[in-house]
Amino acid sequence: MPTILTTGMDLAAFWSALAPLLFVLLQGGAYWLLARRWVGESRMPVGLARVFWALKWLNLVVLIGGLVGIVAWWPSSWPAAALVAFTWAFGVVEYLNYFVVRLSYPARTWLPGVRRGRTPRLIKDLREAVHR
């Protein structure tokens, strides 16, 4: 079975892309697990809102750091470069989906939903927690 990531630099570039994606996805999963306690019933606890507000900005640092790693260890082949670029871009999209603009909608209504430019639930919860 052929492998796409053939060199140590390829692997370093891939991990530079994958680490930010995993960081954002873990936050999103943690948010939704915790949000089951308050969505529709109360507000996000203020202390937790502060943590997620800090993570919002830390994510940008992690994504930029990942990009620096990708450039520093640029993959040796175009398939590896495509995999690394796609992985990092997926992390950016997930960050945008959780912290900037809602991007997740059913397939049939995806484009109209995105065009509405709705605020993600996490950001709504952060704002409500701060304005108690």
Protein backbone atom coordinates (compact mmCIF):
# COMPACT_ATOMS: atom_id res chain seq x y z
CA MET A 1 0.00 0.00 0.00
CA PRO A 2 1.61 3.30 -1.04
CA THR A 3 1.92 6.06 1.49
CA ILE A 4 1.45 9.74 0.78
CA LEU A 5 3.55 11.03 3.68
CA THR A 6 6.94 9.63 2.71
CA THR A 7 9.41 11.84 4.61
CA GLY A 8 9.82 13.18 8.10
CA MET A 9 9.12 16.65 6.77
CA ASP A 10 5.86 15.40 5.23
CA LEU A 11 4.80 14.03 8.62
CA ALA A 12 5.81 17.23 10.40
CA ALA A 13 3.80 19.30 7.93
CA PHE A 14 0.81 16.97 8.33
CA TRP A 15 0.91 17.20 12.13
CA SER A 16 1.22 20.98 11.82
CA ALA A 17 -2.08 20.87 9.94
CA LEU A 18 -3.79 18.15 11.98
CA ALA A 19 -3.05 19.49 15.47
CA PRO A 20 -5.05 22.72 15.00
CA LEU A 21 -7.94 20.78 13.47
CA LEU A 22 -8.05 18.37 16.40
CA PHE A 23 -7.76 21.26 18.87
CA VAL A 24 -10.81 22.98 17.37
CA LEU A 25 -12.83 19.76 17.01
CA LEU A 26 -12.18 18.78 20.64
CA GLN A 27 -13.43 22.17 21.77
CA GLY A 28 -16.54 21.86 19.64
CA GLY A 29 -17.27 18.41 21.00
CA ALA A 30 -16.70 19.55 24.58
CA TYR A 31 -18.95 22.57 24.03
CA TRP A 32 -21.85 20.46 22.73
CA LEU A 33 -21.48 17.88 25.51
CA LEU A 34 -21.53 20.64 28.11
CA ALA A 35 -24.25 22.67 26.35
CA ARG A 36 -26.76 19.87 26.83
CA ARG A 37 -27.05 21.18 30.39
CA TRP A 38 -28.20 24.70 29.51
CA VAL A 39 -29.35 25.08 25.88
CA GLY A 40 -33.05 25.86 25.94
CA GLU A 41 -33.14 26.05 29.76
CA SER A 42 -30.63 28.57 31.07
CA ARG A 43 -27.38 30.30 30.15
CA MET A 44 -23.82 29.12 29.77
CA PRO A 45 -21.92 29.47 33.08
CA VAL A 46 -19.82 32.64 33.10
CA GLY A 47 -16.59 30.84 33.98
CA LEU A 48 -17.03 28.43 31.09
CA ALA A 49 -17.84 31.33 28.77
CA ARG A 50 -14.54 32.94 29.73
CA VAL A 51 -12.68 29.72 28.92
CA PHE A 52 -14.29 29.47 25.48
CA TRP A 53 -13.72 33.18 24.83
CA ALA A 54 -10.01 32.66 25.52
CA LEU A 55 -10.00 29.53 23.34
CA LYS A 56 -11.50 31.55 20.51
CA TRP A 57 -8.33 33.65 20.40
CA LEU A 58 -5.95 30.79 21.24
CA ASN A 59 -7.33 28.93 18.22
CA LEU A 60 -6.11 31.69 15.94
CA VAL A 61 -2.63 31.40 17.41
CA VAL A 62 -2.68 27.62 16.98
CA LEU A 63 -3.93 27.86 13.38
CA ILE A 64 -1.25 30.42 12.50
CA GLY A 65 1.38 28.28 14.24
CA GLY A 66 0.22 25.29 12.23
CA LEU A 67 0.52 27.29 9.03
CA VAL A 68 4.06 28.31 9.97
CA GLY A 69 4.90 24.63 10.52
CA ILE A 70 3.38 23.68 7.16
CA VAL A 71 5.46 26.30 5.36
CA ALA A 72 8.60 25.33 7.28
CA TRP A 73 8.15 21.62 6.50
CA TRP A 74 6.51 21.92 3.11
CA PRO A 75 5.63 18.42 1.83
CA SER A 76 7.80 16.77 -0.79
CA SER A 77 5.02 15.82 -3.23
CA TRP A 78 1.81 17.36 -4.48
CA PRO A 79 -0.43 14.60 -2.98
CA ALA A 80 1.13 15.18 0.43
CA ALA A 81 0.84 18.96 0.01
CA ALA A 82 -2.83 18.59 -0.99
CA LEU A 83 -3.54 16.42 2.06
CA VAL A 84 -1.79 18.85 4.38
CA ALA A 85 -3.50 21.91 2.85
CA PHE A 86 -6.93 20.25 2.98
CA THR A 87 -6.42 19.21 6.61
CA TRP A 88 -5.38 22.71 7.68
CA ALA A 89 -8.21 24.32 5.68
CA PHE A 90 -10.67 21.96 7.38
CA GLY A 91 -9.41 23.28 10.72
CA VAL A 92 -9.99 26.84 9.54
CA VAL A 93 -13.51 25.98 8.38
CA GLU A 94 -14.32 24.35 11.71
CA TYR A 95 -12.99 27.41 13.55
CA LEU A 96 -15.18 29.65 11.42
CA ASN A 97 -18.18 27.36 11.99
CA TYR A 98 -17.84 27.47 15.78
CA PHE A 99 -16.60 31.02 16.35
CA VAL A 100 -17.45 33.27 13.38
CA VAL A 101 -20.37 32.23 11.18
CA ARG A 102 -22.53 29.12 11.19
CA LEU A 103 -21.57 26.88 8.26
CA SER A 104 -23.28 23.62 9.19
CA TYR A 105 -26.67 23.08 7.58
CA PRO A 106 -28.39 20.14 5.90
CA ALA A 107 -27.16 19.58 2.34
CA ARG A 108 -30.42 20.71 0.72
CA THR A 109 -30.39 24.05 2.54
CA TRP A 110 -26.64 24.58 2.86
CA LEU A 111 -26.13 27.48 0.45
CA PRO A 112 -29.17 29.51 1.56
CA GLY A 113 -28.23 28.81 5.19
CA VAL A 114 -24.67 30.03 4.75
CA ARG A 115 -25.86 33.10 2.86
CA ARG A 116 -27.91 34.12 5.91
CA GLY A 117 -24.66 34.56 7.85
CA ARG A 118 -26.06 33.35 11.16
CA THR A 119 -24.14 33.54 14.39
CA PRO A 120 -22.92 30.17 15.74
CA ARG A 121 -24.68 28.84 18.86
CA LEU A 122 -21.40 28.93 20.81
CA ILE A 123 -20.98 32.66 20.20
CA LYS A 124 -24.62 33.30 21.13
CA ASP A 125 -24.03 31.45 24.39
CA LEU A 126 -20.85 33.43 25.07
CA ARG A 127 -22.64 36.74 24.52
CA GLU A 128 -25.61 35.74 26.70
CA ALA A 129 -23.33 34.60 29.53
CA VAL A 130 -21.43 37.89 29.51
CA HIS A 131 -24.58 40.07 29.42
CA ARG A 132 -26.32 38.57 32.45
